[in-house]
Structures are given as structure tokens and as C-alpha cells.
Amino acid sequence: MSLLQTTPSPPSEYPAPVRPTDAPDVTVTDPALVRRAVKAAALGNAMEWFDFGVYSYIAVTLGKVFFPSGNPTAQLLSTFGAFAAAFLVRPLGGMVFGPLGDRIGRQKVLALTMIMMAAGTFAIGLIPSYGSLGVGAPLLLLAARLVQGFSTGGEYAGASTFIAEYAPDKRRGFLGSWLEFGTLAGYVGGAGLVTLMTALLSTDDLTSWGWRIPFLIAGPMGIIGLYLRLRLEETPAFAAEVEKSEANRPKVPLREMVTGQWRALLLCVGLVLVFNVTDYMLLSYMPSYLTGELKYDETHGLLVVLGVMALMMVVQPFAGALTDRIGRRPVIAAGCAGFLLLSVPALLLIRQGGLGAVALGMAALGLLLVCFTAAMPSALPALFPTRVRYGSLSIGFNVSVSLFGGTTPLVVTALVGATGDLMMPAYYMMAAAVIGGFAVWRMTESAGRPLPGSAPSVEPR
């Protein structure tokens, strides 16, 4: 089956009127292929965040397994340090996989990143403890995390590009929102499994062997994801780019992806900063904050966060559809304003310690985060033209995530430890909201419009 059909388009199908004689080709999407593309892309993101959910929720146990006994805070910092180390190699992965995706195709690179992610996660479940292997144990953990980080450098940008290039222009926000639905589903799956294990297993069993189970599950998940991705064809936008040359895509210099797109890259960094600081704060740091800093009951804390993520999953597709109706900019701007104004009140509620107050504060932050999770998968790919979209987005996204997003748990833990101020998470989110607000002010609205460098994309009549 052909990926796309090119037909002359009547003027009514364009964002702005054009003369029929000047009308470019129009991509008519195949609904079945679009659904398969969304599923395959979302599953890879789900697997990535399944690992993050497991790692974040079982961080205290991992500290005991892989690092010398002593100060619990030092163990937790060491665990988050290994977590953050993976983000240091993400830009390198982006610089390798992004340009490769613009050269040989999105589908092939996404299959490769799926294999590497699954292998890295599965390997963690096989590493001996510090008590058995000594210093080699944390070194192997670090090596596995680096493999994960390198592969993830090409995952999100590729997956969001894949969905954006398959989706019709008028539904790109809704379809893109399912990528982050996969994120939440993976996180809920990982965190839920850890919560169940925490409730069923004794501390000794969890520390000795139970912690391995979630990581070993990554193997079968990776095989399923790889199967789905290998069944897909290339995106219509990339196929059209290939047809422009007689043989294959000309190689785009890395310099062109950076210096030639500097304004879009700066906007990307700012948008990804507020998106990922708030994302990692809520989903990765807050479980440890509740138990480690506020001494909140571990099981109740995990259940509250799981409930918030379930709420976000319900709202996510509707928020994605809203971005198609009113635009990406208003939705992202609302999220920035909300975090600027409500971070302190929400954290004060969480610090009350009562179940209702904690749930209300966390739910407020979660619903604000949906403003980003629903809009970013469609807004970010639209910053760049098709010729460099995968490469430029990979570089901008991963630089921002590495410097600001993935380091959030480590930095905030260190700030709280250094200052003793338990309000540091709120201040950190407010600072991110200011930067994100400036970026959204400078970005161009993309809802309902063709991707830069691509023909208009419409649904079949």
C-alpha cells in the first residue's frame, strides 16, 4: 500500500487561499497507517518511561544495592547521579541518531533506538550488587544508563517527528498527544509495578532480588516495540524529500542543523526546559521528596502520584484536541502562567502532609503539566523544516533535557540539602516557567498549518 496519495488540492484545504494553478500537491493520509504509526511511536516512549518510573520509585532500594552503606542521603544522591549521567550523553545520541534519521529515514533509526533502550534496561536487571561485585557494580550500572541515555537521544525527537509527519494538519495536536499518553502509561506501569512489589515483598526480599523484576520485563517489551516499528513504512514527508533527489537524501551537514536553525533551536531549548523541568520534578523527584524530605508514608505517596498520572492520562487526549482548536501557544502559555502562580501554593498544600492536601497539590501540578504534554509533541517538530527536522530537534531537545530536565532530581535534592529550604522545588519550577513563557511568546503558531518544508496533509474525504 502506498504511504501517500498526491492529488491537486482545492483552495479551501489550505491555511491561506492560493490560486488553483499554483496549488502544490497535498498528502492524503491513510487512517490505518496513522494509527499504526502512533501506536509504534507511543510504545517506544512508554518503554523509555517505564524504566524512568521504575528507577525513580525504587531509587532508595537501588542506592542500597549499588552503593556503599552509610548515609542514606548520600546513597540517594549517588543513585540520582547515575540517573543524571545518562542525560549527559543524550546530546551525543541526538547528534548521531538525529542526522542519521534525516539521512536514511525515521523508521530505521527508531527501530535501532528501540533495540538499544531495551538492551540497556534489561542489562540493569542482571548486574550484581555492590556486596557481590564491589565498585564494579555501580560502574556497570553507569554503563547501562549511558547506553540508555545514548539511545534515548534519538527516541523522543524521532517519535514526535514520526507522528507529526504522519498526522493530518488539523489533527496533529490530538494525535501527537498520544505520544505523551504513552509516556504516562509507561510511567504508571513502572511505578505501579514498584508499588505492588513494595506492598507484597519485604524490604529484604525487595533489596536482594525483587528490584530486578521490573528491569527484566524490558526485554519482552522491547521485542514487541521493535516488531511494531519494523512493520511501518517511512513517513510521507520524508518519502517526499527522498523523491526530490534522483537517488537518496543528500547529507545535511551538522553545522547546518545548528547554525542554520539557531533561532528555532533557542526556542526549542526554552520550550523543552519548562516542559522537562516540571515533568521530571513531578514524576521523578516528587516520590522521593515525599518520602525522603517530608517523611510521608511511602505507599500512600506512591499511590497519590499514580492517581495523578492516571488523571493526566484521562485529560491528555482532550487537551491535545484543544490545541488543534485554539492553538499550541495559548495552551503552553497557560501552563507557564500556572506554574509561575501556583507552584508555591501547590507545594504548601503538599507539605501539609494530609492525604487530601497532598493529592490536591499534586493534582494541580499534574493538570498544569498536561498543558505541556499535550502540546509539545506537535509544537516542537513544527519548529524545523523537513530536511533537518529529526536532526535539529534531536540536538535542541537533548541539550535542553541534559542540562535542565534530567538533572532536576539531582539539583533540587542538592539545593534542599544545602539550604534546608523545602520550598526549593517550587522556586525551581517558577524559574523554568519564566523561561518557557518567553519562548512561547516568541514562537509561531503551528496549529492547523502544514509542517515547514512539507505539503499540506489532509484526511481522506
Protein backbone atom coordinates (compact mmCIF):
# COMPACT_ATOMS: atom_id res chain seq x y z
CA MET A 1 0.00 0.00 0.00
CA SER A 2 1.34 3.40 -0.85
CA LEU A 3 2.08 5.71 2.04
CA LEU A 4 0.56 8.75 0.42
CA GLN A 5 -1.52 9.88 -2.47
CA THR A 6 -0.79 13.19 -4.14
CA THR A 7 -3.76 15.00 -5.63
CA PRO A 8 -4.41 18.56 -6.68
CA SER A 9 -5.95 20.38 -3.75
CA PRO A 10 -8.84 22.83 -3.90
CA PRO A 11 -8.11 26.22 -2.34
CA SER A 12 -10.35 25.54 0.67
CA GLU A 13 -7.90 22.94 2.04
CA TYR A 14 -5.08 25.47 2.56
CA PRO A 15 -4.46 27.62 5.63
CA ALA A 16 -4.30 30.60 3.23
CA PRO A 17 -6.01 30.89 -0.19
CA VAL A 18 -3.94 30.00 -3.24
CA ARG A 19 -4.70 30.01 -6.95
CA PRO A 20 -5.63 26.57 -8.26
CA THR A 21 -2.88 26.75 -10.87
CA ASP A 22 -0.33 27.33 -8.10
CA ALA A 23 -1.67 24.62 -5.78
CA PRO A 24 1.04 22.24 -4.53
CA ASP A 25 0.49 18.54 -4.03
CA VAL A 26 -1.40 17.51 -0.95
CA THR A 27 -0.71 14.45 1.18
CA VAL A 28 -3.88 12.44 1.78
CA THR A 29 -3.28 10.40 4.92
CA ASP A 30 -4.18 6.74 5.39
CA PRO A 31 -6.05 6.47 8.74
CA ALA A 32 -4.92 2.87 9.34
CA LEU A 33 -1.27 3.78 8.80
CA VAL A 34 -1.60 6.83 11.02
CA ARG A 35 -2.99 4.70 13.87
CA ARG A 36 -0.16 2.17 13.50
CA ALA A 37 2.42 4.95 13.47
CA VAL A 38 1.00 6.48 16.65
CA LYS A 39 0.96 3.10 18.43
CA ALA A 40 4.53 2.22 17.43
CA ALA A 41 5.91 5.62 18.43
CA ALA A 42 3.99 5.76 21.71
CA LEU A 43 5.10 2.26 22.74
CA GLY A 44 8.77 3.21 22.46
CA ASN A 45 8.16 6.25 24.63
CA ALA A 46 6.23 4.07 27.07
CA MET A 47 9.17 1.70 27.40
CA GLU A 48 11.59 4.58 27.98
CA TRP A 49 9.43 5.98 30.76
CA PHE A 50 8.66 2.57 32.21
CA ASP A 51 12.37 2.47 33.04
CA PHE A 52 12.31 6.02 34.41
CA GLY A 53 9.29 5.21 36.57
CA VAL A 54 10.93 2.10 37.97
CA TYR A 55 14.24 3.87 38.56
CA SER A 56 12.64 6.86 40.30
CA TYR A 57 10.29 4.87 42.50
CA ILE A 58 12.86 2.31 43.53
CA ALA A 59 15.72 4.81 43.90
CA VAL A 60 16.12 4.25 47.65
CA THR A 61 16.44 0.48 47.13
CA LEU A 62 18.88 0.92 44.25
CA GLY A 63 21.01 3.12 46.49
CA LYS A 64 21.29 0.27 48.99
CA VAL A 65 22.04 -2.30 46.27
CA PHE A 66 24.67 -0.46 44.23
CA PHE A 67 26.40 1.93 46.63
CA PRO A 68 28.27 1.51 49.94
CA SER A 69 26.17 1.55 53.09
CA GLY A 70 26.29 4.67 55.19
CA ASN A 71 24.44 7.96 54.77
CA PRO A 72 21.02 7.33 53.11
CA THR A 73 21.08 10.82 51.58
CA ALA A 74 24.47 10.08 50.00
CA GLN A 75 23.12 6.81 48.60
CA LEU A 76 20.11 8.60 47.13
CA LEU A 77 22.33 11.29 45.63
CA SER A 78 24.56 8.60 44.10
CA THR A 79 21.53 6.88 42.59
CA PHE A 80 20.22 10.13 41.11
CA GLY A 81 23.76 10.88 39.95
CA ALA A 82 23.71 7.69 37.85
CA PHE A 83 20.23 8.71 36.68
CA ALA A 84 21.52 12.14 35.61
CA ALA A 85 24.65 10.70 33.94
CA ALA A 86 22.51 9.15 31.23
CA PHE A 87 21.37 12.62 30.27
CA LEU A 88 24.92 13.81 29.72
CA VAL A 89 25.26 11.53 26.67
CA ARG A 90 21.81 12.30 25.29
CA PRO A 91 23.09 15.22 23.14
CA LEU A 92 25.71 12.87 21.71
CA GLY A 93 23.00 10.37 20.86
CA GLY A 94 20.96 13.17 19.34
CA MET A 95 23.89 14.29 17.19
CA VAL A 96 24.31 10.71 15.93
CA PHE A 97 20.72 9.50 15.53
CA GLY A 98 19.12 12.81 14.51
CA PRO A 99 21.19 13.44 11.36
CA LEU A 100 21.02 9.71 10.61
CA GLY A 101 17.23 9.91 10.73
CA ASP A 102 17.30 12.76 8.21
CA ARG A 103 19.64 10.73 6.03
CA ILE A 104 18.33 7.15 5.99
CA GLY A 105 14.82 7.61 7.38
CA ARG A 106 12.90 7.94 10.63
CA GLN A 107 11.66 4.33 10.78
CA LYS A 108 15.09 2.67 10.62
CA VAL A 109 16.58 4.86 13.33
CA LEU A 110 13.58 4.40 15.63
CA ALA A 111 13.96 0.62 15.30
CA LEU A 112 17.62 0.92 16.32
CA THR A 113 16.90 3.13 19.35
CA MET A 114 14.25 0.64 20.49
CA ILE A 115 16.79 -2.19 20.48
CA MET A 116 19.35 -0.19 22.46
CA MET A 117 16.84 1.06 25.04
CA ALA A 118 15.55 -2.44 25.72
CA ALA A 119 19.06 -3.88 25.98
CA GLY A 120 20.24 -1.19 28.41
CA THR A 121 17.23 -1.58 30.69
CA PHE A 122 17.37 -5.38 30.62
CA ALA A 123 21.08 -5.29 31.49
CA ILE A 124 20.43 -3.37 34.71
CA GLY A 125 18.36 -6.30 35.98
CA LEU A 126 21.37 -8.61 35.56
CA ILE A 127 24.02 -6.52 37.39
CA PRO A 128 25.35 -7.99 40.67
CA SER A 129 25.03 -5.92 43.84
CA TYR A 130 27.79 -3.86 45.44
CA GLY A 131 28.10 -6.52 48.12
CA SER A 132 28.88 -9.14 45.47
CA LEU A 133 30.97 -7.20 42.97
CA GLY A 134 32.22 -4.17 44.86
CA VAL A 135 32.93 -0.99 42.89
CA GLY A 136 32.26 -2.84 39.62
CA ALA A 137 28.52 -2.85 40.39
CA PRO A 138 27.96 0.94 40.25
CA LEU A 139 30.28 1.12 37.23
CA LEU A 140 28.15 -1.42 35.36
CA LEU A 141 25.01 0.46 36.40
CA LEU A 142 26.55 3.63 35.00
CA ALA A 143 27.47 1.86 31.74
CA ALA A 144 23.91 0.56 31.29
CA ARG A 145 22.50 4.02 31.99
CA LEU A 146 24.85 5.52 29.39
CA VAL A 147 23.58 3.06 26.77
CA GLN A 148 20.04 4.04 27.66
CA GLY A 149 20.86 7.73 27.50
CA PHE A 150 22.63 7.44 24.15
CA SER A 151 19.72 5.61 22.56
CA THR A 152 17.15 7.93 24.12
CA GLY A 153 18.96 10.79 22.40
CA GLY A 154 17.27 9.72 19.19
CA GLU A 155 13.98 8.48 20.63
CA TYR A 156 11.71 11.39 21.57
CA ALA A 157 12.62 13.66 18.67
CA GLY A 158 12.22 10.75 16.26
CA ALA A 159 8.93 9.59 17.73
CA SER A 160 7.39 13.09 17.76
CA THR A 161 8.66 13.71 14.22
CA PHE A 162 7.25 10.36 13.11
CA ILE A 163 3.75 11.13 14.39
CA ALA A 164 3.82 14.75 13.23
CA GLU A 165 4.79 13.76 9.69
CA TYR A 166 2.07 11.09 9.50
CA ALA A 167 -0.74 13.18 11.02
CA PRO A 168 -3.12 15.38 9.04
CA ASP A 169 -2.58 19.07 9.78
CA LYS A 170 -5.91 19.60 11.54
CA ARG A 171 -5.44 16.66 13.96
CA ARG A 172 -1.69 16.83 14.66
CA GLY A 173 -2.20 18.03 18.24
CA PHE A 174 -4.63 15.26 19.12
CA LEU A 175 -2.56 12.50 17.52
CA GLY A 176 0.70 13.87 18.94
CA SER A 177 -0.78 13.89 22.43
CA TRP A 178 -0.86 10.08 22.36
CA LEU A 179 2.95 10.09 22.43
CA GLU A 180 2.84 11.55 25.93
CA PHE A 181 -0.08 9.28 26.77
CA GLY A 182 2.45 6.51 26.14
CA THR A 183 4.89 8.28 28.44
CA LEU A 184 2.33 8.36 31.23
CA ALA A 185 1.25 4.78 30.59
CA GLY A 186 4.85 3.59 30.80
CA TYR A 187 5.45 5.56 33.94
CA VAL A 188 2.23 4.31 35.56
CA GLY A 189 3.18 0.76 34.58
CA GLY A 190 6.67 1.07 36.06
CA ALA A 191 5.61 2.94 39.17
CA GLY A 192 2.58 0.71 39.68
CA LEU A 193 4.72 -2.41 39.50
CA VAL A 194 7.14 -0.98 42.07
CA THR A 195 4.23 0.00 44.31
CA LEU A 196 2.80 -3.52 44.10
CA MET A 197 6.18 -5.06 44.84
CA THR A 198 6.72 -2.69 47.78
CA ALA A 199 3.38 -3.77 49.23
CA LEU A 200 3.88 -7.51 48.67
CA LEU A 201 7.58 -8.02 49.33
CA SER A 202 9.56 -7.50 52.50
CA THR A 203 12.35 -4.93 52.47
CA ASP A 204 14.95 -7.72 52.47
CA ASP A 205 13.34 -9.52 49.50
CA LEU A 206 12.99 -6.28 47.56
CA THR A 207 16.64 -5.45 48.15
CA SER A 208 18.01 -8.92 47.43
CA TRP A 209 16.11 -9.88 44.26
CA GLY A 210 12.75 -8.16 43.86
CA TRP A 211 14.16 -4.94 42.38
CA ARG A 212 15.41 -6.87 39.33
CA ILE A 213 11.95 -7.89 38.07
CA PRO A 214 10.86 -4.53 36.55
CA PHE A 215 14.11 -4.15 34.62
CA LEU A 216 13.96 -7.68 33.21
CA ILE A 217 10.47 -7.01 31.84
CA ALA A 218 12.07 -4.56 29.37
CA GLY A 219 13.27 -7.45 27.20
CA PRO A 220 9.84 -8.68 26.05
CA MET A 221 8.57 -5.09 25.80
CA GLY A 222 11.44 -4.20 23.50
CA ILE A 223 10.72 -7.14 21.20
CA ILE A 224 7.08 -6.10 20.86
CA GLY A 225 8.02 -2.47 20.18
CA LEU A 226 10.61 -3.48 17.61
CA TYR A 227 8.07 -5.66 15.80
CA LEU A 228 5.60 -2.77 15.58
CA ARG A 229 8.20 -0.33 14.30
CA LEU A 230 9.60 -2.69 11.68
CA ARG A 231 6.10 -3.11 10.21
CA LEU A 232 5.83 0.61 9.44
CA GLU A 233 6.78 2.37 6.25
CA GLU A 234 8.57 5.71 6.03
CA THR A 235 6.68 8.94 6.76
CA PRO A 236 5.03 10.77 3.84
CA ALA A 237 7.10 13.92 4.44
CA PHE A 238 10.41 12.05 4.39
CA ALA A 239 9.35 10.00 1.35
CA ALA A 240 8.58 13.24 -0.49
CA GLU A 241 12.02 14.60 0.44
CA VAL A 242 13.69 11.48 -0.95
CA GLU A 243 11.76 11.87 -4.21
CA LYS A 244 13.26 15.32 -4.68
CA SER A 245 16.64 13.75 -5.43
CA GLU A 246 17.32 11.13 -8.06
CA ALA A 247 18.96 8.62 -5.71
CA ASN A 248 18.89 9.31 -1.99
CA ARG A 249 18.73 12.14 0.51
CA PRO A 250 21.78 14.39 0.31
CA LYS A 251 23.71 14.50 3.55
CA VAL A 252 22.90 17.58 5.64
CA PRO A 253 25.95 18.96 7.48
CA LEU A 254 25.65 19.04 11.26
CA ARG A 255 26.60 22.71 11.16
CA GLU A 256 23.55 23.47 9.03
CA MET A 257 21.33 21.75 11.61
CA VAL A 258 22.68 24.08 14.29
CA THR A 259 23.78 27.42 12.85
CA GLY A 260 21.20 27.30 10.09
CA GLN A 261 18.42 26.80 12.64
CA TRP A 262 19.75 28.83 15.58
CA ARG A 263 16.56 30.77 16.29
CA ALA A 264 14.36 27.67 16.21
CA LEU A 265 16.93 25.82 18.35
CA LEU A 266 16.83 28.51 21.03
CA LEU A 267 13.03 28.36 21.09
CA CYS A 268 13.22 24.57 21.29
CA VAL A 269 15.63 24.70 24.24
CA GLY A 270 13.36 27.12 26.13
CA LEU A 271 10.19 25.12 25.50
CA VAL A 272 11.83 21.82 26.37
CA LEU A 273 13.33 23.35 29.53
CA VAL A 274 9.96 24.24 31.08
CA PHE A 275 8.41 21.01 29.79
CA ASN A 276 11.06 18.72 31.23
CA VAL A 277 11.91 20.53 34.47
CA THR A 278 8.26 20.34 35.51
CA ASP A 279 7.90 16.82 34.11
CA TYR A 280 10.89 15.36 35.96
CA MET A 281 10.05 17.36 39.06
CA LEU A 282 6.58 15.87 39.32
CA LEU A 283 7.17 12.35 38.01
CA SER A 284 10.77 11.62 39.05
CA TYR A 285 11.60 13.80 42.05
CA MET A 286 8.35 14.14 43.97
CA PRO A 287 8.07 10.47 45.04
CA SER A 288 11.49 10.72 46.72
CA TYR A 289 10.66 14.20 48.06
CA LEU A 290 7.51 12.90 49.73
CA THR A 291 9.27 10.01 51.45
CA GLY A 292 12.80 11.36 51.91
CA GLU A 293 12.23 15.02 52.80
CA LEU A 294 8.65 15.11 54.13
CA LYS A 295 8.80 11.63 55.77
CA TYR A 296 5.48 10.80 54.13
CA ASP A 297 4.28 7.20 54.15
CA GLU A 298 5.92 5.54 51.14
CA THR A 299 2.94 3.51 49.95
CA HIS A 300 0.48 6.41 50.25
CA GLY A 301 2.90 8.70 48.45
CA LEU A 302 3.30 6.28 45.56
CA LEU A 303 -0.46 5.82 45.26
CA VAL A 304 -1.05 9.59 45.18
CA VAL A 305 1.43 10.09 42.36
CA LEU A 306 -0.04 7.14 40.45
CA GLY A 307 -3.50 8.66 40.84
CA VAL A 308 -2.27 11.99 39.48
CA MET A 309 -0.73 10.29 36.44
CA ALA A 310 -3.96 8.37 35.82
CA LEU A 311 -5.83 11.70 35.92
CA MET A 312 -3.34 13.15 33.43
CA MET A 313 -3.89 10.20 31.08
CA VAL A 314 -7.64 10.83 31.07
CA VAL A 315 -7.22 14.54 30.30
CA GLN A 316 -4.34 14.17 27.81
CA PRO A 317 -6.21 13.40 24.53
CA PHE A 318 -8.81 16.10 25.22
CA ALA A 319 -6.06 18.65 25.85
CA GLY A 320 -4.35 17.54 22.62
CA ALA A 321 -7.58 18.09 20.70
CA LEU A 322 -7.88 21.52 22.35
CA THR A 323 -4.51 22.53 20.89
CA ASP A 324 -5.91 21.79 17.43
CA ARG A 325 -8.90 24.01 18.15
CA ILE A 326 -7.37 27.06 19.87
CA GLY A 327 -3.66 26.62 19.08
CA ARG A 328 -0.50 25.34 20.76
CA ARG A 329 0.65 28.75 22.03
CA PRO A 330 -2.35 29.51 24.29
CA VAL A 331 -2.20 26.07 25.90
CA ILE A 332 1.57 26.20 26.55
CA ALA A 333 1.27 29.79 27.81
CA ALA A 334 -1.46 28.73 30.25
CA GLY A 335 0.85 26.05 31.63
CA CYS A 336 3.71 28.53 32.11
CA ALA A 337 1.44 31.03 33.86
CA GLY A 338 0.01 28.30 36.04
CA PHE A 339 3.39 27.06 37.23
CA LEU A 340 4.53 30.63 37.91
CA LEU A 341 1.48 31.43 40.03
CA LEU A 342 0.56 28.09 41.60
CA SER A 343 3.85 26.27 42.30
CA VAL A 344 4.21 27.74 45.79
CA PRO A 345 0.55 27.21 46.83
CA ALA A 346 0.62 23.65 45.46
CA LEU A 347 3.83 22.76 47.31
CA LEU A 348 2.49 24.30 50.54
CA LEU A 349 -0.53 22.03 50.19
CA ILE A 350 1.74 19.03 49.65
CA ARG A 351 3.77 19.93 52.75
CA GLN A 352 0.59 19.84 54.86
CA GLY A 353 1.06 16.07 54.87
CA GLY A 354 -2.60 15.09 54.89
CA LEU A 355 -3.69 12.73 52.13
CA GLY A 356 -6.27 15.14 50.75
CA ALA A 357 -3.88 18.11 50.73
CA VAL A 358 -1.08 16.11 49.11
CA ALA A 359 -3.45 14.77 46.45
CA LEU A 360 -4.86 18.23 45.70
CA GLY A 361 -1.43 19.85 45.40
CA MET A 362 -0.09 17.06 43.20
CA ALA A 363 -3.23 17.07 41.02
CA ALA A 364 -2.86 20.83 40.44
CA LEU A 365 0.72 20.37 39.27
CA GLY A 366 -0.26 17.38 37.14
CA LEU A 367 -3.03 19.24 35.31
CA LEU A 368 -0.67 22.14 34.63
CA LEU A 369 1.86 19.68 33.25
CA VAL A 370 -0.77 18.39 30.80
CA CYS A 371 -0.60 21.80 29.08
CA PHE A 372 2.92 20.82 28.01
CA THR A 373 2.50 17.09 27.46
CA ALA A 374 -0.50 17.72 25.18
CA ALA A 375 1.04 20.49 23.07
CA MET A 376 4.80 19.82 22.82
CA PRO A 377 4.75 16.66 20.63
CA SER A 378 3.10 18.67 17.85
CA ALA A 379 4.65 22.09 18.57
CA LEU A 380 8.32 21.04 18.65
CA PRO A 381 8.54 19.26 15.24
CA ALA A 382 6.83 22.27 13.64
CA LEU A 383 9.80 24.48 14.59
CA PHE A 384 12.02 22.89 11.91
CA PRO A 385 11.78 22.14 8.17
CA THR A 386 11.52 18.55 6.98
CA ARG A 387 15.07 18.42 5.62
CA VAL A 388 16.63 18.87 9.10
CA ARG A 389 13.68 18.20 11.40
CA TYR A 390 14.91 14.99 13.07
CA GLY A 391 18.49 16.21 13.47
CA SER A 392 17.81 19.76 14.68
CA LEU A 393 15.03 18.68 17.03
CA SER A 394 17.21 15.89 18.46
CA ILE A 395 20.03 18.33 19.19
CA GLY A 396 17.87 21.08 20.70
CA PHE A 397 15.69 18.70 22.69
CA ASN A 398 18.53 16.67 24.16
CA VAL A 399 20.77 19.60 25.01
CA SER A 400 17.92 21.13 26.99
CA VAL A 401 16.92 17.86 28.66
CA SER A 402 20.53 17.07 29.57
CA LEU A 403 21.29 20.46 31.09
CA PHE A 404 17.99 21.19 32.79
CA GLY A 405 15.46 18.32 32.72
CA GLY A 406 17.24 15.13 33.65
CA THR A 407 19.38 16.90 36.23
CA THR A 408 16.31 18.23 38.06
CA PRO A 409 16.12 15.48 40.74
CA LEU A 410 19.85 15.75 41.46
CA VAL A 411 19.97 19.56 41.51
CA VAL A 412 16.86 20.01 43.64
CA THR A 413 17.96 17.30 46.10
CA ALA A 414 21.30 19.09 46.44
CA LEU A 415 19.63 22.51 46.83
CA VAL A 416 17.29 21.25 49.53
CA GLY A 417 20.23 19.61 51.32
CA ALA A 418 22.40 22.74 51.08
CA THR A 419 19.76 25.31 52.09
CA GLY A 420 17.34 23.27 54.18
CA ASP A 421 14.54 25.07 52.30
CA LEU A 422 11.83 22.57 51.39
CA MET A 423 10.25 25.11 49.01
CA MET A 424 13.13 24.78 46.53
CA PRO A 425 11.09 22.58 44.13
CA ALA A 426 8.51 25.38 43.75
CA TYR A 427 11.15 28.04 43.11
CA TYR A 428 12.83 25.84 40.52
CA MET A 429 9.56 25.30 38.63
CA MET A 430 8.78 29.03 38.74
CA ALA A 431 12.15 29.89 37.20
CA ALA A 432 11.54 27.35 34.44
CA ALA A 433 8.09 28.82 33.80
CA VAL A 434 9.56 32.28 33.20
CA ILE A 435 11.97 30.91 30.57
CA GLY A 436 9.24 28.85 28.93
CA GLY A 437 6.90 31.84 28.87
CA PHE A 438 9.45 33.89 26.95
CA ALA A 439 9.93 31.04 24.44
CA VAL A 440 6.20 30.63 23.81
CA TRP A 441 5.90 34.41 23.34
CA ARG A 442 8.47 34.25 20.52
CA MET A 443 7.24 31.07 18.80
CA THR A 444 4.91 30.99 15.80
CA GLU A 445 1.56 29.25 15.98
CA SER A 446 1.56 25.97 14.05
CA ALA A 447 -1.90 24.51 14.69
CA GLY A 448 -3.78 23.61 11.52
CA ARG A 449 -0.85 24.50 9.25
CA PRO A 450 1.48 22.29 7.18
CA LEU A 451 4.82 21.41 8.67
CA PRO A 452 7.62 23.64 7.34
CA GLY A 453 9.01 22.19 4.13
CA SER A 454 6.12 19.73 3.72
CA ALA A 455 2.99 19.72 1.62
CA PRO A 456 -0.39 20.18 3.33
CA SER A 457 -1.62 16.94 4.89
CA VAL A 458 -5.34 16.18 4.95
CA GLU A 459 -7.64 13.31 5.89
CA PRO A 460 -9.42 11.38 3.11
CA ARG A 461 -12.88 12.72 2.28
